[in-house]
Protein backbone atom coordinates (compact mmCIF):
# COMPACT_ATOMS: atom_id res chain seq x y z
CA UNK A 1 -7.15 -17.09 2.74
CA UNK A 2 -7.17 -20.41 4.68
CA UNK A 3 -9.22 -23.32 3.14
CA UNK A 4 -11.78 -24.49 5.12
CA UNK A 5 -13.81 -28.33 5.00
CA UNK A 6 -16.80 -28.11 3.41
CA UNK A 7 -19.70 -27.26 6.56
CA UNK A 8 -21.56 -30.46 8.13
CA UNK A 9 -25.61 -29.42 7.67
CA UNK A 10 -27.81 -29.84 10.28
CA UNK A 11 -30.85 -31.70 9.87
CA UNK A 12 -33.05 -28.81 10.26
CA UNK A 13 -30.96 -27.36 6.92
CA UNK A 14 -30.86 -30.56 5.28
CA UNK A 15 -34.92 -30.14 5.10
CA UNK A 16 -34.84 -26.62 4.07
CA UNK A 17 -32.78 -27.17 1.02
CA UNK A 18 -33.30 -28.92 -2.17
CA UNK A 19 -32.14 -32.18 -2.73
CA UNK A 20 -30.34 -30.71 -5.91
CA UNK A 21 -28.96 -27.27 -4.59
CA UNK A 22 -27.24 -29.96 -1.48
CA UNK A 23 -25.67 -31.78 -4.13
CA UNK A 24 -24.63 -28.59 -6.16
CA UNK A 25 -22.67 -27.54 -2.53
CA UNK A 26 -20.34 -30.57 -3.42
CA UNK A 27 -18.33 -28.39 -6.27
CA UNK A 28 -17.08 -25.16 -7.10
CA UNK A 29 -19.31 -24.71 -9.76
CA UNK A 30 -22.40 -25.98 -8.60
CA UNK A 31 -21.83 -23.37 -5.79
CA UNK A 32 -21.15 -20.65 -8.29
CA UNK A 33 -24.76 -21.61 -9.75
CA UNK A 34 -26.30 -21.33 -6.34
CA UNK A 35 -25.16 -17.96 -5.67
CA UNK A 36 -25.74 -16.98 -9.13
CA UNK A 37 -28.83 -18.56 -10.31
CA UNK A 38 -30.84 -19.32 -6.35
CA UNK A 39 -29.70 -17.15 -4.08
CA UNK A 40 -31.20 -14.16 -5.85
CA UNK A 41 -34.32 -15.23 -5.87
CA UNK A 42 -34.74 -16.83 -2.66
CA UNK A 43 -36.46 -15.08 0.19
CA UNK A 44 -36.45 -15.05 3.76
CA UNK A 45 -35.51 -17.96 5.96
CA UNK A 46 -34.24 -20.03 2.91
CA UNK A 47 -31.85 -17.29 1.57
CA UNK A 48 -30.55 -17.09 4.72
CA UNK A 49 -29.95 -20.62 5.73
CA UNK A 50 -28.40 -20.87 2.31
CA UNK A 51 -26.02 -17.64 2.33
CA UNK A 52 -25.17 -18.76 5.53
CA UNK A 53 -23.95 -22.38 4.01
CA UNK A 54 -22.14 -20.76 1.43
CA UNK A 55 -20.13 -18.62 3.35
CA UNK A 56 -18.43 -21.70 4.99
CA UNK A 57 -16.69 -22.25 2.16
CA UNK A 58 -13.77 -20.14 2.17
CA UNK A 59 -12.16 -21.03 -0.82
CA UNK A 60 -14.95 -19.27 -2.88
CA UNK A 61 -13.94 -15.64 -1.04
CA UNK A 62 -10.38 -15.75 -2.52
CA UNK A 63 -9.62 -12.19 -3.38
CA UNK A 64 -6.89 -13.43 -6.08
CA UNK A 65 -10.38 -15.13 -7.73
CA UNK A 66 -12.49 -12.18 -8.46
CA UNK A 67 -16.32 -13.75 -8.65
CA UNK A 68 -18.82 -11.07 -8.32
CA UNK A 69 -21.44 -14.19 -7.23
CA UNK A 70 -20.41 -13.87 -3.17
CA UNK A 71 -21.61 -10.70 -3.15
CA UNK A 72 -24.94 -12.39 -2.83
CA UNK A 73 -23.85 -14.23 0.21
CA UNK A 74 -23.01 -11.44 2.19
CA UNK A 75 -26.09 -9.53 1.20
CA UNK A 76 -28.45 -12.79 2.77
CA UNK A 77 -26.38 -13.98 5.27
CA UNK A 78 -27.86 -13.09 8.73
CA UNK A 79 -26.31 -10.35 11.14
CA UNK A 80 -24.88 -13.20 13.31
CA UNK A 81 -23.11 -15.07 10.71
CA UNK A 82 -21.33 -11.89 8.83
CA UNK A 83 -19.93 -11.07 12.96
CA UNK A 84 -18.44 -14.66 13.06
CA UNK A 85 -16.75 -14.17 10.00
CA UNK A 86 -15.77 -10.70 9.44
CA UNK A 87 -11.90 -10.96 9.94
CA UNK A 88 -11.69 -12.93 7.09
CA UNK A 89 -14.58 -11.77 4.74
CA UNK A 90 -12.47 -7.82 5.21
CA UNK A 91 -9.86 -9.68 3.21
CA UNK A 92 -12.09 -11.25 0.17
CA UNK A 93 -13.58 -11.03 -2.83
CA UNK A 94 -16.77 -9.93 -1.00
CA UNK A 95 -15.11 -6.94 1.30
CA UNK A 96 -16.52 -4.18 -0.61
CA UNK A 97 -20.43 -5.74 -0.28
CA UNK A 98 -19.67 -6.75 3.58
CA UNK A 99 -18.75 -3.05 4.07
CA UNK A 100 -21.18 -1.55 1.73
CA UNK A 101 -23.92 -3.64 3.86
CA UNK A 102 -22.61 -2.30 6.64
CA UNK A 103 -22.92 1.40 6.33
CA UNK A 104 -26.94 0.38 5.83
CA UNK A 105 -26.36 -0.84 8.82
CA UNK A 106 -25.78 2.29 10.49
CA UNK A 107 -22.04 4.04 10.93
CA UNK A 108 -21.35 2.75 14.23
CA UNK A 109 -21.46 -0.99 13.67
CA UNK A 110 -19.66 0.02 10.11
CA UNK A 111 -16.71 1.70 11.99
CA UNK A 112 -16.51 -0.68 15.39
CA UNK A 113 -16.48 -3.67 12.33
CA UNK A 114 -13.45 -2.07 11.41
CA UNK A 115 -11.93 -1.44 14.14
CA UNK A 116 -11.99 -4.45 14.78
CA UNK A 117 -10.58 -5.79 11.74
CA UNK A 118 -7.91 -3.29 11.99
CA UNK A 119 -6.96 -4.75 15.46
CA UNK A 120 -7.56 -8.28 14.46
CA UNK A 121 -7.18 -9.47 10.63
CA UNK A 122 -4.81 -10.41 8.60
CA UNK A 123 -2.57 -8.19 6.57
CA UNK A 124 -4.66 -8.63 3.25
CA UNK A 125 -7.83 -7.61 5.51
CA UNK A 126 -6.14 -4.80 6.97
CA UNK A 127 -4.93 -3.04 4.04
CA UNK A 128 -7.90 -3.73 2.46
CA UNK A 129 -10.76 -2.03 4.87
CA UNK A 130 -8.13 0.85 5.16
CA UNK A 131 -8.34 1.44 1.19
CA UNK A 132 -12.02 0.41 1.31
CA UNK A 133 -12.79 3.20 3.61
CA UNK A 134 -10.46 5.73 4.18
CA UNK A 135 -6.85 5.90 1.43
CA UNK A 136 -9.18 4.87 -1.74
CA UNK A 137 -9.88 8.47 -3.71
CA UNK A 138 -12.89 6.86 -5.63
CA UNK A 139 -14.29 4.78 -2.12
CA UNK A 140 -17.91 4.16 -2.42
CA UNK A 141 -18.36 5.03 1.03
CA UNK A 142 -17.34 8.03 2.48
CA UNK A 143 -16.79 8.15 6.56
CA UNK A 144 -17.33 10.87 8.59
CA UNK A 145 -13.82 12.59 9.67
CA UNK A 146 -14.06 11.42 13.09
CA UNK A 147 -14.49 8.19 11.62
CA UNK A 148 -11.61 8.45 9.61
CA UNK A 149 -9.27 9.92 11.74
CA UNK A 150 -10.01 6.56 14.25
CA UNK A 151 -9.25 4.00 11.71
CA UNK A 152 -6.04 5.88 10.21
CA UNK A 153 -4.98 6.21 14.41
CA UNK A 154 -4.80 3.10 14.59
CA UNK A 155 -3.13 2.00 11.22
CA UNK A 156 -0.24 3.69 11.75
CA UNK A 157 0.99 1.56 14.80
CA UNK A 158 0.15 -1.38 12.67
CA UNK A 159 2.82 -3.94 12.87
CA UNK A 160 2.70 -4.52 8.92
CA UNK A 161 4.86 -2.13 6.71
CA UNK A 162 2.73 -2.22 4.35
CA UNK A 163 -0.85 -1.37 5.99
CA UNK A 164 1.85 1.31 7.96
CA UNK A 165 2.70 2.50 5.37
CA UNK A 166 -0.56 3.64 3.29
CA UNK A 167 -1.86 4.98 6.23
CA UNK A 168 1.15 7.59 6.62
CA UNK A 169 0.74 8.39 3.00
CA UNK A 170 -3.00 9.01 3.95
CA UNK A 171 -2.48 11.03 6.98
CA UNK A 172 0.13 13.00 5.11
CA UNK A 173 -2.36 14.29 2.73
CA UNK A 174 -6.03 14.56 4.75
CA UNK A 175 -4.44 14.28 8.29
CA UNK A 176 -1.17 15.90 8.79
CA UNK A 177 -1.68 16.68 12.19
CA UNK A 178 -1.35 12.82 13.01
CA UNK A 179 1.93 13.10 11.75
CA UNK A 180 3.65 16.75 12.42
CA UNK A 181 4.27 16.81 16.12
CA UNK A 182 6.53 14.05 15.62
CA UNK A 183 8.02 13.73 11.96
CA UNK A 184 11.22 13.37 12.49
CA UNK A 185 10.22 9.73 13.80
CA UNK A 186 8.58 8.58 10.40
CA UNK A 187 11.48 10.03 8.43
CA UNK A 188 13.33 6.55 10.11
CA UNK A 189 10.41 4.39 9.66
CA UNK A 190 10.41 0.71 8.32
CA UNK A 191 8.59 1.68 5.57
CA UNK A 192 9.93 3.12 2.55
CA UNK A 193 6.03 4.41 1.53
CA UNK A 194 5.83 6.18 5.16
CA UNK A 195 9.47 8.17 5.26
CA UNK A 196 9.04 9.45 1.97
CA UNK A 197 5.27 10.12 2.69
CA UNK A 198 6.54 12.39 5.81
CA UNK A 199 9.37 13.84 3.89
CA UNK A 200 6.89 15.18 1.34
CA UNK A 201 5.00 16.81 3.76
CA UNK A 202 8.07 17.84 6.12
CA UNK A 203 9.34 20.04 3.39
CA UNK A 204 5.83 21.56 2.67
CA UNK A 205 5.64 23.06 5.86
CA UNK A 206 8.75 23.21 8.24
CA UNK A 207 11.70 25.01 7.13
CA UNK A 208 13.84 23.02 9.23
CA UNK A 209 13.34 20.08 6.58
CA UNK A 210 16.19 20.33 4.33
CA UNK A 211 18.95 20.63 7.62
CA UNK A 212 17.00 17.15 8.59
CA UNK A 213 17.36 15.53 5.23
CA UNK A 214 20.75 16.95 4.54
CA UNK A 215 21.95 15.38 8.71
CA UNK A 216 20.27 12.38 8.20
CA UNK A 217 21.90 11.39 4.71
CA UNK A 218 25.39 11.72 6.21
CA UNK A 219 24.61 10.49 9.45
CA UNK A 220 26.50 6.84 9.27
CA UNK A 221 24.81 5.37 12.38
CA UNK A 222 21.55 5.45 10.92
CA UNK A 223 20.28 2.84 8.15
CA UNK A 224 20.76 2.46 4.40
CA UNK A 225 17.77 3.00 3.75
CA UNK A 226 16.86 5.70 5.75
CA UNK A 227 18.92 7.50 4.61
CA UNK A 228 19.05 7.14 1.37
CA UNK A 229 15.38 8.48 1.90
CA UNK A 230 16.39 10.97 3.09
CA UNK A 231 18.78 12.03 -0.14
CA UNK A 232 15.71 11.12 -2.06
CA UNK A 233 14.09 14.17 -0.22
CA UNK A 234 16.67 16.51 -0.84
CA UNK A 235 16.86 15.94 -4.14
CA UNK A 236 13.01 16.82 -4.64
CA UNK A 237 13.79 20.15 -3.30
CA UNK A 238 17.35 21.35 -4.32
CA UNK A 239 18.54 22.65 -7.34
CA UNK A 240 21.12 21.00 -9.19
CA UNK A 241 24.11 23.18 -8.63
CA UNK A 242 23.37 22.57 -4.29
CA UNK A 243 23.12 19.14 -4.72
CA UNK A 244 25.65 18.45 -7.08
CA UNK A 245 28.58 18.21 -4.60
CA UNK A 246 26.31 16.28 -2.28
CA UNK A 247 25.93 13.37 -5.39
CA UNK A 248 29.68 13.75 -5.18
CA UNK A 249 30.23 12.40 -1.98
CA UNK A 250 27.47 9.97 -1.94
CA UNK A 251 27.99 8.29 -4.81
CA UNK A 252 31.29 7.26 -3.66
CA UNK A 253 29.96 6.06 -0.64
CA UNK A 254 30.65 2.22 0.48
CA UNK A 255 27.02 0.94 0.88
CA UNK A 256 25.73 0.33 -2.39
CA UNK A 257 21.86 1.40 -1.27
CA UNK A 258 23.35 4.77 -1.37
CA UNK A 259 25.71 5.04 -3.54
CA UNK A 260 22.83 3.58 -6.05
CA UNK A 261 20.56 5.80 -4.84
CA UNK A 262 22.94 8.79 -5.67
CA UNK A 263 23.45 7.61 -9.05
CA UNK A 264 19.42 7.28 -9.42
CA UNK A 265 19.02 10.96 -8.50
CA UNK A 266 21.97 11.59 -11.06
CA UNK A 267 20.55 10.03 -14.01
CA UNK A 268 16.95 11.24 -13.40
CA UNK A 269 17.03 14.78 -11.98
CA UNK A 270 20.39 16.46 -11.29
CA UNK A 271 22.80 15.47 -14.21
CA UNK A 272 25.36 17.78 -13.83
CA UNK A 273 30.05 17.22 -14.06
CA UNK A 274 31.03 16.98 -11.01
CA UNK A 275 28.50 13.87 -9.50
CA UNK A 276 29.23 12.26 -12.91
CA UNK A 277 32.80 12.08 -12.56
CA UNK A 278 32.84 11.07 -9.50
CA UNK A 279 31.00 8.32 -9.87
CA UNK A 280 33.58 7.38 -12.24
CA UNK A 281 35.59 6.13 -8.69
CA UNK A 282 32.48 4.74 -7.07
CA UNK A 283 33.40 1.00 -6.17
CA UNK A 284 30.10 -0.16 -7.05
CA UNK A 285 30.07 -1.42 -10.76
CA UNK A 286 26.70 -0.27 -11.51
CA UNK A 287 27.32 3.48 -10.50
CA UNK A 288 30.77 3.64 -12.31
CA UNK A 289 28.74 2.50 -15.87
CA UNK A 290 26.48 5.43 -15.20
CA UNK A 291 29.53 7.56 -14.49
CA UNK A 292 30.68 6.58 -17.98
CA UNK A 293 27.89 6.32 -19.99
CA UNK A 294 26.63 10.14 -18.66
CA UNK A 295 30.31 11.39 -19.80
CA UNK A 296 30.58 8.86 -23.31
CA UNK A 297 31.55 11.39 -25.65
CA UNK A 298 28.83 9.36 -28.25
CA UNK A 299 26.35 8.97 -26.45
CA UNK A 300 26.25 10.92 -22.82
CA UNK A 301 24.47 13.88 -21.10
CA UNK A 302 25.75 16.80 -22.10
CA UNK A 303 24.18 18.22 -19.00
CA UNK A 304 26.68 16.09 -16.91
CA UNK A 305 29.32 17.37 -19.28
CA UNK A 306 29.32 14.61 -22.12
CA UNK A 307 28.04 14.94 -25.44
CA UNK A 308 26.55 13.70 -28.46
CA UNK A 309 28.00 12.92 -31.90
CA UNK A 310 26.76 16.31 -34.07
CA UNK A 311 27.56 18.52 -31.11
CA UNK A 312 30.33 21.55 -31.67
CA UNK A 313 33.11 20.80 -29.50
CA UNK A 314 33.97 22.86 -26.49
CA UNK A 315 36.58 25.50 -27.40
CA UNK A 316 37.52 26.24 -23.56
């Protein structure tokens, strides 16, 4: 959040404020005292004037600085001042207070403000508004379905991979119709979170998804991370015997992203001797080391063809 210079007080504001309050505005601790001790007991125009002034000190509202006293500022500032500061407040430590106040003022005002933040706010503000109003399953503000859908439609075309990934993941769970007509597009998205959420959805509802994942895994013209997630998708639905030949090929792929993705599946989900032996011939040291570990007679994995001390010697 950008730093802001202290606001200049007008002559009218100077008359409204007590001399001790004016001095307190000069320091962070003084402003915290004003927010915690003074603002909550003020009424009417004096409370509004002080809250509007305190909004001018943006450093006090940094999202990484937890300070519940900023809530009082949002609650007491006037509508025009909040509207003028909406986009940065939506990414501040007072974001929840902002949306709670807007919710009290009506769903139309709330949704209009949220759409404005999704279009103009910075990445932090866009991610936070999507989390607070749509994605968080424990959210305190529950939007009507039409409003939730409207926010997701905007977030799904967000330029930032974090925001877009969150939107896809949320849509996959609650609004799958926003993704399914063109789910193959989302499996090639720049966001890994979006790709995996789409694969989980597609594998549940589209019989073609397994074949598409297999084809994409071996599509040399596609980016390595896209292919790695297609392989990951196969690893979630195929039996170990079914995916073993695929892993045996991919652990030897020249691209480390693909070979290591196959090795990770081999290690975590699908231990089998065929890909374990193939890993020994991989061009990548990490993959070869994993193969050696799985096949080591001292501490290897029996499922992958290794053994452990005390195991009977195989007679075949």
